[in-house]
Protein backbone atom coordinates (compact mmCIF):
# COMPACT_ATOMS: atom_id res chain seq x y z
CA MET A 1 -0.07 0.40 -0.06
CA THR A 2 1.06 3.19 0.53
CA SER A 3 3.78 3.10 3.18
CA VAL A 4 7.37 3.18 2.84
CA SER A 5 9.08 0.99 5.32
CA LEU A 6 12.81 2.85 4.79
CA PRO A 7 13.13 5.66 7.00
CA ALA A 8 13.58 9.04 5.32
CA ARG A 9 16.97 9.90 4.34
CA GLY A 10 18.93 11.62 6.84
CA ALA A 11 16.22 11.32 9.36
CA SER A 12 16.72 10.96 13.04
CA ARG A 13 15.50 7.32 13.62
CA SER A 14 13.71 8.78 17.00
CA LEU A 15 11.62 11.33 14.49
CA GLN A 16 7.83 11.08 15.14
CA VAL A 17 5.67 13.06 12.71
CA ALA A 18 1.54 12.43 13.80
CA THR A 19 -0.66 13.62 11.21
CA LEU A 20 -3.86 14.24 11.37
CA LEU A 21 -6.28 14.34 7.90
CA TYR A 22 -9.37 16.26 7.92
CA HIS A 23 -11.83 17.28 4.69
CA GLU A 24 -15.45 19.29 5.59
CA VAL A 25 -16.10 21.41 8.53
CA THR A 26 -19.50 23.25 8.27
CA ASP A 27 -23.10 23.02 9.44
CA GLU A 28 -24.20 23.32 6.03
CA PRO A 29 -23.02 20.44 4.40
CA ALA A 30 -24.69 21.37 0.63
CA SER A 31 -22.37 24.66 1.03
CA SER A 32 -18.77 22.43 0.55
CA GLY A 33 -17.26 19.95 -1.05
CA PHE A 34 -18.33 16.52 -2.79
CA GLN A 35 -22.02 16.16 -2.42
CA ARG A 36 -21.83 12.83 -2.75
CA PRO A 37 -22.54 9.70 -0.05
CA GLY A 38 -19.25 8.76 0.31
CA ALA A 39 -18.67 12.59 1.56
CA ALA A 40 -21.13 12.19 4.59
CA PRO A 41 -19.00 10.67 7.30
CA TYR A 42 -16.11 12.47 6.58
CA ARG A 43 -17.88 16.14 7.61
CA HIS A 44 -17.48 17.55 10.86
CA SER A 45 -19.73 20.65 12.03
CA THR A 46 -17.72 23.66 13.57
CA ARG A 47 -18.86 22.51 17.08
CA ALA A 48 -17.30 19.29 16.91
CA PHE A 49 -14.33 20.47 15.02
CA ALA A 50 -14.09 23.27 18.04
CA GLU A 51 -14.05 20.40 20.04
CA HIS A 52 -11.29 18.48 18.31
CA LEU A 53 -8.48 21.34 18.17
CA GLU A 54 -9.46 21.92 21.94
CA ALA A 55 -8.29 18.12 22.50
CA ILE A 56 -4.99 19.38 20.16
CA ALA A 57 -4.09 22.18 22.11
CA GLY A 58 -3.62 19.99 25.17
CA ALA A 59 -1.02 17.89 23.02
CA PRO A 60 2.81 18.18 23.61
CA ALA A 61 3.12 19.28 20.36
CA THR A 62 1.85 22.51 18.82
CA PRO A 63 0.80 22.11 14.99
CA GLU A 64 3.74 23.23 12.34
CA ARG A 65 4.00 23.35 8.87
CA VAL A 66 5.69 20.25 7.04
CA VAL A 67 8.36 22.05 5.52
CA ASP A 68 9.30 23.67 9.37
CA VAL A 69 10.18 19.99 10.57
CA ASP A 70 13.65 18.99 10.98
CA TYR A 71 14.08 15.10 9.72
CA ARG A 72 17.98 14.84 11.28
CA GLN A 73 16.78 15.71 14.56
CA PRO A 74 15.21 13.23 16.85
CA GLY A 75 11.71 15.00 18.25
CA ARG A 76 7.76 14.95 17.94
CA HIS A 77 6.13 17.12 15.44
CA LEU A 78 2.35 17.50 14.87
CA LEU A 79 0.92 18.26 11.36
CA LEU A 80 -2.81 19.34 10.46
CA THR A 81 -3.73 18.11 6.64
CA PHE A 82 -7.22 18.79 4.74
CA ASP A 83 -7.90 17.72 1.55
CA ASP A 84 -10.55 18.39 -1.10
CA GLY A 85 -9.83 21.85 -1.69
CA GLY A 86 -13.84 22.95 -0.49
CA ARG A 87 -14.84 25.80 1.11
CA SER A 88 -15.26 25.40 4.51
CA ALA A 89 -11.25 25.22 4.46
CA LEU A 90 -11.81 29.24 4.70
CA TYR A 91 -13.59 28.54 7.89
CA VAL A 92 -10.96 25.83 8.93
CA ALA A 93 -7.85 28.25 7.71
CA ASP A 94 -8.97 31.19 10.19
CA ALA A 95 -9.96 28.91 13.16
CA LEU A 96 -6.49 27.79 12.98
CA SER A 97 -5.03 31.25 12.56
CA GLU A 98 -6.49 32.24 15.64
CA ARG A 99 -4.02 29.65 17.44
CA GLY A 100 -1.38 30.81 15.61
CA TRP A 101 -1.28 27.02 13.79
CA ARG A 102 -0.43 26.71 10.23
CA GLY A 103 -2.22 24.01 8.12
CA HIS A 104 -1.88 22.20 4.96
CA PHE A 105 -4.84 22.74 2.36
CA PHE A 106 -5.23 19.64 -0.49
CA ILE A 107 -6.40 21.12 -3.39
CA VAL A 108 -8.32 19.22 -6.21
CA THR A 109 -7.53 21.53 -9.24
CA SER A 110 -9.95 20.95 -11.62
CA LEU A 111 -12.83 21.84 -9.18
CA ILE A 112 -11.62 25.22 -8.14
CA GLY A 113 -14.28 27.64 -8.65
CA THR A 114 -17.00 25.41 -8.90
CA ALA A 115 -20.12 25.00 -6.76
CA GLY A 116 -18.63 24.39 -3.30
CA PHE A 117 -14.90 24.44 -4.00
CA LEU A 118 -12.31 27.27 -3.32
CA SER A 119 -12.54 30.03 -5.82
CA ALA A 120 -8.49 31.49 -7.10
CA ASP A 121 -8.32 33.75 -4.85
CA ASP A 122 -9.73 31.97 -1.43
CA ILE A 123 -6.60 29.93 -2.14
CA ARG A 124 -4.60 32.81 -2.59
CA TYR A 125 -5.93 33.97 0.65
CA LEU A 126 -4.88 30.70 2.36
CA HIS A 127 -1.86 31.15 0.82
CA SER A 128 -1.06 34.86 2.53
CA CYS A 129 -2.26 33.34 5.33
CA GLY A 130 1.14 31.05 5.53
CA HIS A 131 -0.84 27.89 5.26
CA LEU A 132 0.39 25.55 2.97
CA ILE A 133 -1.17 24.49 -0.64
CA GLY A 134 -0.51 21.17 -2.09
CA SER A 135 -1.89 19.07 -5.07
CA HIS A 136 -4.85 16.54 -4.47
CA SER A 137 -4.53 15.52 -7.86
CA HIS A 138 -6.53 17.32 -10.88
CA THR A 139 -9.80 15.21 -11.33
CA HIS A 140 -9.28 13.29 -8.05
CA PRO A 141 -9.97 9.69 -9.82
CA ASP A 142 -12.23 7.50 -7.25
CA ILE A 143 -9.41 4.42 -7.14
CA PHE A 144 -6.23 6.30 -7.54
CA ARG A 145 -4.04 3.19 -7.00
CA ASP A 146 -5.58 1.75 -10.00
CA GLN A 147 -4.34 4.36 -12.34
CA PRO A 148 -1.48 3.77 -14.79
CA LEU A 149 1.65 5.52 -13.75
CA ALA A 150 1.11 7.86 -16.97
CA ARG A 151 -1.90 8.66 -15.72
CA MET A 152 -0.93 9.47 -12.36
CA ILE A 153 1.74 11.15 -12.86
CA GLU A 154 0.04 13.75 -15.34
CA GLU A 155 -2.58 14.09 -12.40
CA TRP A 156 0.13 15.75 -10.42
CA THR A 157 1.62 17.58 -13.34
CA THR A 158 -1.27 19.21 -14.27
CA SER A 159 -2.35 20.11 -10.77
CA CYS A 160 0.67 21.26 -9.59
CA GLY A 161 1.06 23.35 -12.70
CA VAL A 162 -2.12 24.71 -11.98
CA LEU A 163 -1.49 26.05 -8.08
CA ALA A 164 2.02 27.23 -9.22
CA GLY A 165 0.27 29.63 -11.64
CA LEU A 166 -1.97 30.76 -9.04
CA LEU A 167 0.38 31.20 -6.05
CA GLY A 168 4.01 31.69 -7.99
CA ASP A 169 5.21 29.21 -5.89
CA ALA A 170 6.28 25.62 -6.98
CA CYS A 171 3.89 23.07 -5.75
CA ILE A 172 5.96 20.90 -3.62
CA MET A 173 3.34 18.65 -1.58
CA ALA A 174 0.55 16.30 -2.43
CA SER A 175 -1.83 13.76 -0.86
CA ILE A 176 -3.36 10.79 -2.48
CA PRO A 177 -6.97 10.95 -3.47
CA GLY A 178 -9.12 8.76 -1.51
CA GLY A 179 -6.56 7.39 0.37
CA ASP A 180 -6.83 4.74 -2.06
CA GLY A 181 -2.47 4.85 -2.69
CA SER A 182 0.34 1.90 -3.18
CA ALA A 183 3.48 1.76 -4.49
CA ARG A 184 3.23 2.96 -7.63
CA ALA A 185 1.26 5.85 -6.18
CA VAL A 186 4.48 6.72 -4.32
CA ARG A 187 6.46 6.35 -7.05
CA SER A 188 4.59 8.68 -9.55
CA ALA A 189 4.55 11.51 -7.06
CA ALA A 190 8.05 11.29 -6.48
CA MET A 191 8.84 10.96 -10.46
CA ALA A 192 6.59 14.66 -10.52
CA GLY A 193 8.99 16.41 -8.48
CA MET A 194 7.15 15.99 -5.34
CA THR A 195 9.22 16.41 -1.91
CA TYR A 196 6.49 15.16 0.43
CA LEU A 197 3.70 13.20 -0.13
CA PHE A 198 0.94 12.25 2.34
CA THR A 199 -0.77 9.05 2.51
CA SER A 200 -3.94 7.64 4.55
CA VAL A 201 -1.91 5.28 6.34
CA PRO A 202 -1.74 5.94 10.13
CA ARG A 203 2.36 5.77 10.72
CA LEU A 204 4.36 8.22 13.05
CA SER A 205 7.82 7.49 11.08
CA PRO A 206 8.32 9.00 7.45
CA GLY A 207 9.35 7.45 4.93
CA HIS A 208 11.14 7.94 1.75
CA HIS A 209 10.95 7.55 -2.12
CA GLY A 210 13.79 8.97 -3.74
CA SER A 211 13.91 12.60 -2.87
CA CYS A 212 10.45 12.54 -1.62
CA ARG A 213 9.74 12.19 2.15
CA VAL A 214 6.55 9.85 2.55
CA LEU A 215 4.27 10.82 5.63
CA GLY A 216 1.57 8.74 7.31
CA ARG A 217 -1.65 10.10 8.41
CA PHE A 218 -4.78 9.04 10.76
CA CYS A 219 -8.09 10.27 8.88
CA ALA A 220 -10.57 11.81 11.83
CA LYS A 221 -14.48 11.31 10.63
CA ALA A 222 -17.40 12.57 12.22
CA THR A 223 -17.59 9.45 14.91
CA THR A 224 -14.10 10.33 15.96
CA SER A 225 -13.75 11.58 19.84
CA PRO A 226 -11.85 14.41 21.00
CA THR A 227 -10.65 12.11 23.82
CA TYR A 228 -9.19 9.59 20.57
CA VAL A 229 -8.20 13.26 19.10
CA ARG A 230 -5.98 13.57 22.20
CA THR A 231 -4.44 10.52 22.67
CA LEU A 232 -3.46 10.27 18.91
CA ALA A 233 -1.85 14.07 19.15
CA ARG A 234 0.08 12.78 22.29
CA PHE A 235 1.69 10.29 19.92
CA ASN A 236 -0.41 7.42 21.29
CA GLY A 237 -2.65 4.67 19.76
CA TRP A 238 -0.94 5.01 16.53
CA HIS A 239 -0.09 1.32 16.37
CA GLN A 240 -3.94 0.03 16.35
CA ALA A 241 -4.76 2.82 14.33
CA LEU A 242 -2.50 0.98 11.59
CA ALA A 243 -3.68 -2.18 12.35
CA VAL A 244 -7.02 -1.73 11.68
CA ARG A 245 -6.02 -0.19 8.45
CA ARG A 246 -4.34 -2.68 7.94
CA ALA A 247 -7.26 -5.15 8.33
CA LYS A 248 -9.79 -2.99 6.13
CA ASP A 249 -6.79 -2.68 3.46
CA ALA A 250 -6.96 -6.60 3.27
CA VAL A 251 -10.68 -6.27 3.05
CA ARG A 252 -10.16 -4.11 0.19
CA LEU A 253 -7.55 -5.70 -2.16
CA SER A 254 -9.22 -9.55 -1.21
CA CYS A 255 -11.78 -8.43 -4.14
CA PRO A 256 -10.91 -5.64 -6.16
CA PRO A 257 -14.65 -6.26 -8.26
CA LEU A 258 -16.31 -6.06 -5.22
CA TYR A 259 -14.36 -2.71 -3.94
CA ARG A 260 -15.06 -1.00 -7.36
CA TRP A 261 -18.81 -1.43 -6.87
CA TYR A 262 -18.79 0.12 -3.46
CA VAL A 263 -17.03 2.87 -4.23
CA TRP A 264 -19.19 3.52 -6.92
CA GLN A 265 -21.95 3.49 -4.73
CA ARG A 266 -20.29 5.97 -2.80
CA THR A 267 -19.51 8.67 -5.11
CA SER A 268 -21.71 7.95 -8.05
CA ARG A 269 -23.99 10.74 -6.48
CA ARG A 270 -21.61 13.82 -7.38
CA THR A 271 -21.97 17.25 -7.19
CA SER A 272 -23.56 19.49 -10.45
CA ALA A 273 -20.18 20.94 -10.91
CA ASN A 274 -18.36 17.48 -11.47
């Protein structure tokens, strides 16, 4: 899958990077992000998200940016990431900024300016606040690991080209859409020039593929409690989370046709922007 067993080059063996993944944060679900059954479990109300932030605030590490981590030194680092580029990212960015925190926002670039998604000016605003902007692919293929290598590379390069044009900065980071990764997906990001790639595999130890650092994440759902987020933000519970993820991946890989049908069921009702 997306995990890479080798430690990142030059990284301290006692380095740990805990990364939490979120999607939409809104009290009006129809106003932001993908409008399909599969998106519902990943939406948080503003109250629930505020409770998560309070839980994170008590952690031993303050949320920071992936580019500010010193990978050569031992230590513990906490990162917050947000996928898809729905309009609720504006609320999220301001909530983080109020605490002096910075986040990582990954954009599906073909959806920029469409209903429920960030506009070009919105993305520039996030960037101006000090948050990092990265690629979540150009078109968000529903099962990314099924794509040919050339298609994966095209998704990254097209998306990064759009973002570089908007921001005037090179796009150096990405997250795998849908969480469906593979060794080929990791290789594609490295070949596309990514410096950082975020997966949906809950690991604390960064890996690498060539010069691309590969970082795991825990995906917080609407059912994820603040207590559990507090545990993860204290660098506990990650082995158990990884075991659960591996079990789910084993089921997904055991019958690819059934999994494709499941994904189709969860993604068939899209926004009009799609």
